[in-house]
Amino acid sequence: LKKRKTYLVTYQTNFKKVQFFKKQGFKIILIDSLKSKNDLISLYKK
């Protein structure tokens, strides 16, 4: 985490678990799925 932005890409449903990582300094990218090509392209676009 030192001197860099660090993002966790995780499911929308993990909202409660996310709090620990937020406190550690992680930034969160919430997604619904990462199975199809369109899902991956959507992540790329973000």
All heavy atoms as atom14 arrays in JSON, in Angstrom:
{
  "sequence": "LKKRKTYLVTYQTNFKKVQFFKKQGFKIILIDSLKSKNDLISLYKK",
  "atom14_mask": [
    [1, 1, 1, 1, 1, 1, 1, 1, 0, 0, 0, 0, 0, 0],
    [1, 1, 1, 1, 1, 1, 1, 1, 1, 0, 0, 0, 0, 0],
    [1, 1, 1, 1, 1, 1, 1, 1, 1, 0, 0, 0, 0, 0],
    [1, 1, 1, 1, 1, 1, 1, 1, 1, 1, 1, 0, 0, 0],
    [1, 1, 1, 1, 1, 1, 1, 1, 1, 0, 0, 0, 0, 0],
    [1, 1, 1, 1, 1, 1, 1, 0, 0, 0, 0, 0, 0, 0],
    [1, 1, 1, 1, 1, 1, 1, 1, 1, 1, 1, 1, 0, 0],
    [1, 1, 1, 1, 1, 1, 1, 1, 0, 0, 0, 0, 0, 0],
    [1, 1, 1, 1, 1, 1, 1, 0, 0, 0, 0, 0, 0, 0],
    [1, 1, 1, 1, 1, 1, 1, 0, 0, 0, 0, 0, 0, 0],
    [1, 1, 1, 1, 1, 1, 1, 1, 1, 1, 1, 1, 0, 0],
    [1, 1, 1, 1, 1, 1, 1, 1, 1, 0, 0, 0, 0, 0],
    [1, 1, 1, 1, 1, 1, 1, 0, 0, 0, 0, 0, 0, 0],
    [1, 1, 1, 1, 1, 1, 1, 1, 0, 0, 0, 0, 0, 0],
    [1, 1, 1, 1, 1, 1, 1, 1, 1, 1, 1, 0, 0, 0],
    [1, 1, 1, 1, 1, 1, 1, 1, 1, 0, 0, 0, 0, 0],
    [1, 1, 1, 1, 1, 1, 1, 1, 1, 0, 0, 0, 0, 0],
    [1, 1, 1, 1, 1, 1, 1, 0, 0, 0, 0, 0, 0, 0],
    [1, 1, 1, 1, 1, 1, 1, 1, 1, 0, 0, 0, 0, 0],
    [1, 1, 1, 1, 1, 1, 1, 1, 1, 1, 1, 0, 0, 0],
    [1, 1, 1, 1, 1, 1, 1, 1, 1, 1, 1, 0, 0, 0],
    [1, 1, 1, 1, 1, 1, 1, 1, 1, 0, 0, 0, 0, 0],
    [1, 1, 1, 1, 1, 1, 1, 1, 1, 0, 0, 0, 0, 0],
    [1, 1, 1, 1, 1, 1, 1, 1, 1, 0, 0, 0, 0, 0],
    [1, 1, 1, 1, 0, 0, 0, 0, 0, 0, 0, 0, 0, 0],
    [1, 1, 1, 1, 1, 1, 1, 1, 1, 1, 1, 0, 0, 0],
    [1, 1, 1, 1, 1, 1, 1, 1, 1, 0, 0, 0, 0, 0],
    [1, 1, 1, 1, 1, 1, 1, 1, 0, 0, 0, 0, 0, 0],
    [1, 1, 1, 1, 1, 1, 1, 1, 0, 0, 0, 0, 0, 0],
    [1, 1, 1, 1, 1, 1, 1, 1, 0, 0, 0, 0, 0, 0],
    [1, 1, 1, 1, 1, 1, 1, 1, 0, 0, 0, 0, 0, 0],
    [1, 1, 1, 1, 1, 1, 1, 1, 0, 0, 0, 0, 0, 0],
    [1, 1, 1, 1, 1, 1, 0, 0, 0, 0, 0, 0, 0, 0],
    [1, 1, 1, 1, 1, 1, 1, 1, 0, 0, 0, 0, 0, 0],
    [1, 1, 1, 1, 1, 1, 1, 1, 1, 0, 0, 0, 0, 0],
    [1, 1, 1, 1, 1, 1, 0, 0, 0, 0, 0, 0, 0, 0],
    [1, 1, 1, 1, 1, 1, 1, 1, 1, 0, 0, 0, 0, 0],
    [1, 1, 1, 1, 1, 1, 1, 1, 0, 0, 0, 0, 0, 0],
    [1, 1, 1, 1, 1, 1, 1, 1, 0, 0, 0, 0, 0, 0],
    [1, 1, 1, 1, 1, 1, 1, 1, 0, 0, 0, 0, 0, 0],
    [1, 1, 1, 1, 1, 1, 1, 1, 0, 0, 0, 0, 0, 0],
    [1, 1, 1, 1, 1, 1, 0, 0, 0, 0, 0, 0, 0, 0],
    [1, 1, 1, 1, 1, 1, 1, 1, 0, 0, 0, 0, 0, 0],
    [1, 1, 1, 1, 1, 1, 1, 1, 1, 1, 1, 1, 0, 0],
    [1, 1, 1, 1, 1, 1, 1, 1, 1, 0, 0, 0, 0, 0],
    [1, 1, 1, 1, 1, 1, 1, 1, 1, 0, 0, 0, 0, 0]
  ],
  "atom14_positions": [
    [[0.8, -1.22, 0.0], [0.0, 0.0, 0.0], [0.83, 1.28, 0.0], [0.34, 2.35, -0.34], [-0.92, 0.02, 1.23], [-2.03, -1.04, 1.24], [-2.63, -1.16, 2.61], [-3.1, -0.7, 0.23], [0.0, 0.0, 0.0], [0.0, 0.0, 0.0], [0.0, 0.0, 0.0], [0.0, 0.0, 0.0], [0.0, 0.0, 0.0], [0.0, 0.0, 0.0]],
    [[2.1, 1.18, 0.38], [2.92, 2.38, 0.56], [3.17, 3.12, -0.75], [3.64, 2.55, -1.73], [4.26, 1.99, 1.2], [5.06, 3.18, 1.72], [6.3, 2.7, 2.46], [7.1, 3.88, 3.02], [8.31, 3.43, 3.71], [0.0, 0.0, 0.0], [0.0, 0.0, 0.0], [0.0, 0.0, 0.0], [0.0, 0.0, 0.0], [0.0, 0.0, 0.0]],
    [[2.82, 4.41, -0.78], [3.07, 5.3, -1.91], [2.44, 4.81, -3.22], [2.98, 5.01, -4.31], [4.57, 5.52, -2.11], [5.22, 6.28, -0.97], [6.68, 6.53, -1.25], [7.34, 7.3, -0.11], [8.78, 7.53, -0.35], [0.0, 0.0, 0.0], [0.0, 0.0, 0.0], [0.0, 0.0, 0.0], [0.0, 0.0, 0.0], [0.0, 0.0, 0.0]],
    [[1.31, 4.16, -3.13], [0.6, 3.74, -4.34], [-0.87, 3.54, -4.0], [-1.23, 3.28, -2.86], [1.18, 2.45, -4.91], [0.66, 1.22, -4.18], [1.38, -0.08, -4.36], [1.75, -0.42, -5.69], [2.46, -1.53, -5.97], [2.84, -2.34, -5.0], [2.79, -1.81, -7.19], [0.0, 0.0, 0.0], [0.0, 0.0, 0.0], [0.0, 0.0, 0.0]],
    [[-1.71, 3.67, -5.01], [-3.12, 3.35, -4.84], [-3.3, 1.86, -5.08], [-2.75, 1.31, -6.04], [-3.97, 4.16, -5.82], [-3.97, 5.65, -5.54], [-4.8, 6.38, -6.59], [-4.76, 7.89, -6.36], [-5.49, 8.63, -7.42], [0.0, 0.0, 0.0], [0.0, 0.0, 0.0], [0.0, 0.0, 0.0], [0.0, 0.0, 0.0], [0.0, 0.0, 0.0]],
    [[-4.03, 1.22, -4.2], [-4.27, -0.21, -4.35], [-5.76, -0.48, -4.28], [-6.43, -0.1, -3.33], [-3.55, -1.02, -3.25], [-2.15, -0.68, -3.26], [-3.69, -2.5, -3.48], [0.0, 0.0, 0.0], [0.0, 0.0, 0.0], [0.0, 0.0, 0.0], [0.0, 0.0, 0.0], [0.0, 0.0, 0.0], [0.0, 0.0, 0.0], [0.0, 0.0, 0.0]],
    [[-6.25, -1.14, -5.33], [-7.69, -1.39, -5.46], [-7.98, -2.88, -5.31], [-7.23, -3.72, -5.81], [-8.2, -0.94, -6.83], [-7.97, 0.52, -7.13], [-6.76, 0.95, -7.7], [-8.94, 1.47, -6.88], [-6.54, 2.28, -8.0], [-8.73, 2.81, -7.17], [-7.53, 3.21, -7.73], [-7.31, 4.53, -8.03], [0.0, 0.0, 0.0], [0.0, 0.0, 0.0]],
    [[-9.07, -3.2, -4.63], [-9.57, -4.57, -4.58], [-10.81, -4.64, -5.46], [-11.77, -3.88, -5.28], [-9.95, -4.97, -3.15], [-8.82, -5.39, -2.21], [-9.4, -5.78, -0.85], [-8.02, -6.54, -2.78], [0.0, 0.0, 0.0], [0.0, 0.0, 0.0], [0.0, 0.0, 0.0], [0.0, 0.0, 0.0], [0.0, 0.0, 0.0], [0.0, 0.0, 0.0]],
    [[-10.77, -5.55, -6.43], [-11.91, -5.77, -7.31], [-12.69, -6.96, -6.76], [-12.18, -8.08, -6.73], [-11.46, -6.06, -8.75], [-12.66, -6.29, -9.67], [-10.59, -4.93, -9.28], [0.0, 0.0, 0.0], [0.0, 0.0, 0.0], [0.0, 0.0, 0.0], [0.0, 0.0, 0.0], [0.0, 0.0, 0.0], [0.0, 0.0, 0.0], [0.0, 0.0, 0.0]],
    [[-13.91, -6.72, -6.28], [-14.65, -7.77, -5.61], [-16.15, -7.66, -5.89], [-16.61, -6.68, -6.48], [-14.37, -7.74, -4.09], [-14.9, -8.92, -3.48], [-14.97, -6.51, -3.44], [0.0, 0.0, 0.0], [0.0, 0.0, 0.0], [0.0, 0.0, 0.0], [0.0, 0.0, 0.0], [0.0, 0.0, 0.0], [0.0, 0.0, 0.0], [0.0, 0.0, 0.0]],
    [[-16.89, -8.69, -5.44], [-18.33, -8.72, -5.7], [-19.09, -7.69, -4.87], [-18.71, -7.37, -3.74], [-18.89, -10.11, -5.38], [-18.53, -11.18, -6.38], [-18.15, -12.45, -5.95], [-18.59, -10.93, -7.76], [-17.83, -13.45, -6.87], [-18.27, -11.93, -8.67], [-17.9, -13.18, -8.22], [-17.58, -14.16, -9.12], [0.0, 0.0, 0.0], [0.0, 0.0, 0.0]],
    [[-20.2, -7.22, -5.42], [-21.08, -6.3, -4.71], [-21.54, -6.89, -3.38], [-21.72, -6.19, -2.39], [-22.32, -6.0, -5.57], [-22.05, -5.3, -6.88], [-22.07, -3.79, -6.75], [-22.14, -3.26, -5.65], [-22.0, -3.11, -7.87], [0.0, 0.0, 0.0], [0.0, 0.0, 0.0], [0.0, 0.0, 0.0], [0.0, 0.0, 0.0], [0.0, 0.0, 0.0]],
    [[-21.74, -8.21, -3.35], [-22.3, -8.87, -2.17], [-21.33, -8.95, -1.0], [-21.7, -9.35, 0.1], [-22.74, -10.31, -2.53], [-21.64, -10.97, -3.19], [-23.92, -10.27, -3.49], [0.0, 0.0, 0.0], [0.0, 0.0, 0.0], [0.0, 0.0, 0.0], [0.0, 0.0, 0.0], [0.0, 0.0, 0.0], [0.0, 0.0, 0.0], [0.0, 0.0, 0.0]],
    [[-20.07, -8.57, -1.2], [-19.06, -8.64, -0.14], [-18.97, -7.36, 0.68], [-17.96, -7.1, 1.32], [-17.67, -8.93, -0.74], [-17.55, -10.36, -1.23], [-18.28, -11.22, -0.79], [-16.65, -10.58, -2.15], [0.0, 0.0, 0.0], [0.0, 0.0, 0.0], [0.0, 0.0, 0.0], [0.0, 0.0, 0.0], [0.0, 0.0, 0.0], [0.0, 0.0, 0.0]],
    [[-20.03, -6.58, 0.67], [-19.95, -5.24, 1.24], [-19.47, -5.23, 2.7], [-18.65, -4.41, 3.09], [-21.32, -4.56, 1.15], [-21.29, -3.12, 1.59], [-20.73, -2.15, 0.78], [-21.79, -2.75, 2.82], [-20.68, -0.82, 1.18], [-21.75, -1.43, 3.24], [-21.2, -0.47, 2.42], [0.0, 0.0, 0.0], [0.0, 0.0, 0.0], [0.0, 0.0, 0.0]],
    [[-19.95, -6.16, 3.53], [-19.57, -6.18, 4.95], [-18.09, -6.53, 5.12], [-17.39, -5.94, 5.96], [-20.43, -7.18, 5.72], [-21.88, -6.74, 5.88], [-22.67, -7.72, 6.72], [-24.11, -7.26, 6.9], [-24.9, -8.22, 7.69], [0.0, 0.0, 0.0], [0.0, 0.0, 0.0], [0.0, 0.0, 0.0], [0.0, 0.0, 0.0], [0.0, 0.0, 0.0]],
    [[-17.6, -7.48, 4.32], [-16.19, -7.9, 4.42], [-15.24, -6.79, 3.97], [-14.08, -6.76, 4.36], [-15.94, -9.14, 3.57], [-16.62, -10.4, 4.06], [-16.25, -11.56, 3.15], [-16.9, -12.86, 3.61], [-16.54, -13.98, 2.71], [0.0, 0.0, 0.0], [0.0, 0.0, 0.0], [0.0, 0.0, 0.0], [0.0, 0.0, 0.0], [0.0, 0.0, 0.0]],
    [[-15.75, -5.91, 3.13], [-14.93, -4.86, 2.56], [-14.39, -3.89, 3.61], [-13.32, -3.3, 3.45], [-15.77, -4.08, 1.5], [-15.24, -2.67, 1.27], [-15.77, -4.84, 0.18], [0.0, 0.0, 0.0], [0.0, 0.0, 0.0], [0.0, 0.0, 0.0], [0.0, 0.0, 0.0], [0.0, 0.0, 0.0], [0.0, 0.0, 0.0], [0.0, 0.0, 0.0]],
    [[-15.09, -3.72, 4.71], [-14.75, -2.71, 5.71], [-13.33, -2.89, 6.26], [-12.61, -1.91, 6.47], [-15.77, -2.73, 6.85], [-17.2, -2.44, 6.42], [-17.31, -1.19, 5.55], [-16.8, -0.12, 5.89], [-17.98, -1.33, 4.4], [0.0, 0.0, 0.0], [0.0, 0.0, 0.0], [0.0, 0.0, 0.0], [0.0, 0.0, 0.0], [0.0, 0.0, 0.0]],
    [[-12.92, -4.13, 6.49], [-11.57, -4.38, 7.0], [-10.52, -3.84, 6.04], [-9.58, -3.13, 6.45], [-11.33, -5.87, 7.23], [-9.87, -6.21, 7.46], [-9.28, -6.02, 8.71], [-9.08, -6.67, 6.42], [-7.93, -6.3, 8.91], [-7.73, -6.96, 6.61], [-7.17, -6.77, 7.86], [0.0, 0.0, 0.0], [0.0, 0.0, 0.0], [0.0, 0.0, 0.0]],
    [[-10.69, -4.15, 4.77], [-9.71, -3.73, 3.78], [-9.72, -2.23, 3.56], [-8.69, -1.62, 3.3], [-9.95, -4.48, 2.46], [-9.63, -5.95, 2.55], [-10.63, -6.89, 2.72], [-8.32, -6.39, 2.49], [-10.34, -8.24, 2.81], [-8.01, -7.73, 2.59], [-9.01, -8.66, 2.75], [0.0, 0.0, 0.0], [0.0, 0.0, 0.0], [0.0, 0.0, 0.0]],
    [[-10.87, -1.61, 3.69], [-10.95, -0.15, 3.59], [-10.13, 0.5, 4.7], [-9.42, 1.49, 4.47], [-12.41, 0.31, 3.68], [-13.14, 0.3, 2.35], [-14.5, 0.99, 2.49], [-15.18, 1.15, 1.15], [-16.49, 1.85, 1.27], [0.0, 0.0, 0.0], [0.0, 0.0, 0.0], [0.0, 0.0, 0.0], [0.0, 0.0, 0.0], [0.0, 0.0, 0.0]],
    [[-10.23, -0.05, 5.91], [-9.49, 0.49, 7.04], [-7.98, 0.34, 6.84], [-7.19, 1.14, 7.35], [-9.91, -0.2, 8.33], [-11.32, 0.18, 8.78], [-11.71, -0.56, 10.05], [-13.13, -0.21, 10.47], [-13.56, -0.95, 11.66], [0.0, 0.0, 0.0], [0.0, 0.0, 0.0], [0.0, 0.0, 0.0], [0.0, 0.0, 0.0], [0.0, 0.0, 0.0]],
    [[-7.59, -0.69, 6.08], [-6.17, -0.91, 5.8], [-5.63, 0.03, 4.72], [-4.43, 0.12, 4.51], [-5.95, -2.37, 5.35], [-6.23, -3.41, 6.43], [-5.26, -3.31, 7.58], [-4.05, -3.2, 7.38], [-5.78, -3.36, 8.8], [0.0, 0.0, 0.0], [0.0, 0.0, 0.0], [0.0, 0.0, 0.0], [0.0, 0.0, 0.0], [0.0, 0.0, 0.0]],
    [[-6.54, 0.72, 4.02], [-6.12, 1.66, 3.0], [-6.43, 1.25, 1.57], [-6.08, 1.96, 0.62], [0.0, 0.0, 0.0], [0.0, 0.0, 0.0], [0.0, 0.0, 0.0], [0.0, 0.0, 0.0], [0.0, 0.0, 0.0], [0.0, 0.0, 0.0], [0.0, 0.0, 0.0], [0.0, 0.0, 0.0], [0.0, 0.0, 0.0], [0.0, 0.0, 0.0]],
    [[-7.07, 0.11, 1.4], [-7.46, -0.34, 0.06], [-8.64, 0.48, -0.45], [-9.53, 0.84, 0.3], [-7.86, -1.82, 0.08], [-6.72, -2.77, 0.24], [-6.33, -3.19, 1.5], [-6.04, -3.28, -0.85], [-5.28, -4.08, 1.67], [-4.99, -4.16, -0.69], [-4.61, -4.57, 0.57], [0.0, 0.0, 0.0], [0.0, 0.0, 0.0], [0.0, 0.0, 0.0]],
    [[-8.65, 0.7, -1.76], [-9.81, 1.27, -2.42], [-10.58, 0.12, -3.06], [-9.98, -0.86, -3.47], [-9.39, 2.31, -3.47], [-8.62, 3.47, -2.86], [-8.17, 4.47, -3.92], [-7.33, 5.57, -3.3], [-8.05, 6.34, -2.27], [0.0, 0.0, 0.0], [0.0, 0.0, 0.0], [0.0, 0.0, 0.0], [0.0, 0.0, 0.0], [0.0, 0.0, 0.0]],
    [[-11.89, 0.23, -3.12], [-12.72, -0.89, -3.53], [-13.42, -0.61, -4.86], [-13.97, 0.46, -5.07], [-13.79, -1.2, -2.45], [-13.14, -1.35, -1.06], [-14.56, -2.46, -2.83], [-12.13, -2.47, -0.94], [0.0, 0.0, 0.0], [0.0, 0.0, 0.0], [0.0, 0.0, 0.0], [0.0, 0.0, 0.0], [0.0, 0.0, 0.0], [0.0, 0.0, 0.0]],
    [[-13.36, -1.61, -5.76], [-14.14, -1.57, -7.0], [-15.14, -2.71, -6.93], [-14.76, -3.89, -6.96], [-13.23, -1.73, -8.24], [-12.23, -0.57, -8.32], [-14.08, -1.78, -9.51], [-11.24, -0.7, -9.46], [0.0, 0.0, 0.0], [0.0, 0.0, 0.0], [0.0, 0.0, 0.0], [0.0, 0.0, 0.0], [0.0, 0.0, 0.0], [0.0, 0.0, 0.0]],
    [[-16.41, -2.39, -6.8], [-17.46, -3.4, -6.67], [-18.02, -3.75, -8.05], [-18.34, -2.88, -8.85], [-18.59, -2.88, -5.77], [-18.22, -2.62, -4.3], [-19.37, -1.98, -3.56], [-17.78, -3.91, -3.6], [0.0, 0.0, 0.0], [0.0, 0.0, 0.0], [0.0, 0.0, 0.0], [0.0, 0.0, 0.0], [0.0, 0.0, 0.0], [0.0, 0.0, 0.0]],
    [[-18.12, -5.06, -8.31], [-18.66, -5.54, -9.59], [-19.7, -6.62, -9.33], [-19.76, -7.19, -8.24], [-17.54, -6.08, -10.5], [-16.83, -7.26, -9.82], [-16.56, -5.0, -10.89], [-15.84, -7.97, -10.74], [0.0, 0.0, 0.0], [0.0, 0.0, 0.0], [0.0, 0.0, 0.0], [0.0, 0.0, 0.0], [0.0, 0.0, 0.0], [0.0, 0.0, 0.0]],
    [[-20.5, -6.92, -10.36], [-21.51, -7.97, -10.24], [-20.97, -9.32, -10.71], [-21.32, -10.37, -10.17], [-22.75, -7.61, -11.06], [-23.48, -6.4, -10.5], [-23.65, -6.34, -9.27], [-23.85, -5.51, -11.29], [0.0, 0.0, 0.0], [0.0, 0.0, 0.0], [0.0, 0.0, 0.0], [0.0, 0.0, 0.0], [0.0, 0.0, 0.0], [0.0, 0.0, 0.0]],
    [[-20.12, -9.29, -11.72], [-19.63, -10.54, -12.31], [-18.32, -10.28, -13.05], [-18.03, -9.16, -13.46], [-20.68, -11.1, -13.28], [-20.19, -12.24, -13.95], [0.0, 0.0, 0.0], [0.0, 0.0, 0.0], [0.0, 0.0, 0.0], [0.0, 0.0, 0.0], [0.0, 0.0, 0.0], [0.0, 0.0, 0.0], [0.0, 0.0, 0.0], [0.0, 0.0, 0.0]],
    [[-17.52, -11.33, -13.22], [-16.28, -11.24, -14.0], [-16.08, -12.56, -14.76], [-15.01, -13.14, -14.77], [-15.09, -10.95, -13.08], [-13.84, -10.34, -13.76], [-14.17, -9.0, -14.4], [-12.71, -10.17, -12.77], [0.0, 0.0, 0.0], [0.0, 0.0, 0.0], [0.0, 0.0, 0.0], [0.0, 0.0, 0.0], [0.0, 0.0, 0.0], [0.0, 0.0, 0.0]],
    [[-17.16, -13.0, -15.41], [-17.13, -14.28, -16.1], [-17.01, -14.15, -17.61], [-16.32, -14.93, -18.26], [-18.39, -15.08, -15.76], [-18.47, -15.51, -14.3], [-19.73, -16.31, -14.05], [-19.82, -16.76, -12.59], [-21.07, -17.52, -12.32], [0.0, 0.0, 0.0], [0.0, 0.0, 0.0], [0.0, 0.0, 0.0], [0.0, 0.0, 0.0], [0.0, 0.0, 0.0]],
    [[-17.68, -13.17, -18.18], [-17.74, -13.06, -19.63], [-16.76, -12.02, -20.16], [-16.18, -11.24, -19.4], [-19.16, -12.67, -20.07], [-19.44, -11.33, -19.67], [0.0, 0.0, 0.0], [0.0, 0.0, 0.0], [0.0, 0.0, 0.0], [0.0, 0.0, 0.0], [0.0, 0.0, 0.0], [0.0, 0.0, 0.0], [0.0, 0.0, 0.0], [0.0, 0.0, 0.0]],
    [[-16.62, -11.99, -21.48], [-15.77, -10.99, -22.12], [-16.3, -9.59, -21.85], [-15.52, -8.67, -21.58], [-15.72, -11.25, -23.63], [-14.82, -10.27, -24.38], [-14.66, -10.66, -25.84], [-13.69, -9.71, -26.55], [-13.43, -10.14, -27.95], [0.0, 0.0, 0.0], [0.0, 0.0, 0.0], [0.0, 0.0, 0.0], [0.0, 0.0, 0.0], [0.0, 0.0, 0.0]],
    [[-17.61, -9.44, -21.87], [-18.21, -8.12, -21.6], [-17.92, -7.66, -20.17], [-17.72, -6.46, -19.93], [-19.71, -8.16, -21.84], [-20.06, -8.17, -23.32], [-19.25, -7.77, -24.15], [-21.24, -8.65, -23.66], [0.0, 0.0, 0.0], [0.0, 0.0, 0.0], [0.0, 0.0, 0.0], [0.0, 0.0, 0.0], [0.0, 0.0, 0.0], [0.0, 0.0, 0.0]],
    [[-17.9, -8.61, -19.22], [-17.56, -8.27, -17.83], [-16.13, -7.74, -17.75], [-15.86, -6.75, -17.05], [-17.69, -9.5, -16.92], [-19.12, -9.98, -16.76], [-20.04, -9.17, -16.95], [-19.31, -11.16, -16.44], [0.0, 0.0, 0.0], [0.0, 0.0, 0.0], [0.0, 0.0, 0.0], [0.0, 0.0, 0.0], [0.0, 0.0, 0.0], [0.0, 0.0, 0.0]],
    [[-15.22, -8.41, -18.44], [-13.81, -8.01, -18.41], [-13.62, -6.66, -19.09], [-12.87, -5.81, -18.6], [-12.95, -9.08, -19.1], [-12.83, -10.4, -18.33], [-12.33, -11.52, -19.25], [-11.91, -10.25, -17.13], [0.0, 0.0, 0.0], [0.0, 0.0, 0.0], [0.0, 0.0, 0.0], [0.0, 0.0, 0.0], [0.0, 0.0, 0.0], [0.0, 0.0, 0.0]],
    [[-14.31, -6.46, -20.21], [-14.22, -5.16, -20.9], [-14.78, -4.05, -20.02], [-14.22, -2.94, -19.98], [-14.97, -5.22, -22.25], [-14.22, -6.12, -23.24], [-15.13, -3.81, -22.85], [-14.93, -6.35, -24.55], [0.0, 0.0, 0.0], [0.0, 0.0, 0.0], [0.0, 0.0, 0.0], [0.0, 0.0, 0.0], [0.0, 0.0, 0.0], [0.0, 0.0, 0.0]],
    [[-15.85, -4.35, -19.31], [-16.43, -3.37, -18.4], [-15.43, -2.97, -17.32], [-15.32, -1.78, -16.98], [-17.7, -3.94, -17.75], [-18.26, -3.03, -16.83], [0.0, 0.0, 0.0], [0.0, 0.0, 0.0], [0.0, 0.0, 0.0], [0.0, 0.0, 0.0], [0.0, 0.0, 0.0], [0.0, 0.0, 0.0], [0.0, 0.0, 0.0], [0.0, 0.0, 0.0]],
    [[-14.68, -3.94, -16.8], [-13.64, -3.64, -15.8], [-12.54, -2.79, -16.44], [-12.07, -1.81, -15.84], [-13.06, -4.94, -15.24], [-11.89, -4.76, -14.25], [-12.33, -3.95, -13.03], [-11.33, -6.12, -13.82], [0.0, 0.0, 0.0], [0.0, 0.0, 0.0], [0.0, 0.0, 0.0], [0.0, 0.0, 0.0], [0.0, 0.0, 0.0], [0.0, 0.0, 0.0]],
    [[-12.11, -3.16, -17.65], [-11.11, -2.37, -18.37], [-11.56, -0.91, -18.51], [-10.78, 0.02, -18.28], [-10.91, -2.93, -19.78], [-10.01, -4.15, -19.88], [-9.49, -4.78, -18.76], [-9.69, -4.68, -21.13], [-8.68, -5.89, -18.88], [-8.88, -5.79, -21.27], [-8.38, -6.41, -20.13], [-7.56, -7.5, -20.26], [0.0, 0.0, 0.0], [0.0, 0.0, 0.0]],
    [[-12.81, -0.72, -18.9], [-13.33, 0.64, -19.1], [-13.33, 1.44, -17.8], [-13.05, 2.64, -17.78], [-14.74, 0.59, -19.7], [-14.76, 0.2, -21.18], [-16.16, 0.23, -21.76], [-16.17, -0.11, -23.23], [-15.54, 0.92, -24.08], [0.0, 0.0, 0.0], [0.0, 0.0, 0.0], [0.0, 0.0, 0.0], [0.0, 0.0, 0.0], [0.0, 0.0, 0.0]],
    [[-13.65, 0.77, -16.7], [-13.62, 1.45, -15.39], [-12.2, 1.9, -15.07], [-11.99, 3.02, -14.59], [-14.12, 0.5, -14.29], [-15.63, 0.32, -14.27], [-16.05, -0.56, -13.1], [-17.56, -0.73, -13.07], [-18.01, -1.56, -11.92], [0.0, 0.0, 0.0], [0.0, 0.0, 0.0], [0.0, 0.0, 0.0], [0.0, 0.0, 0.0], [0.0, 0.0, 0.0]]
  ]
}
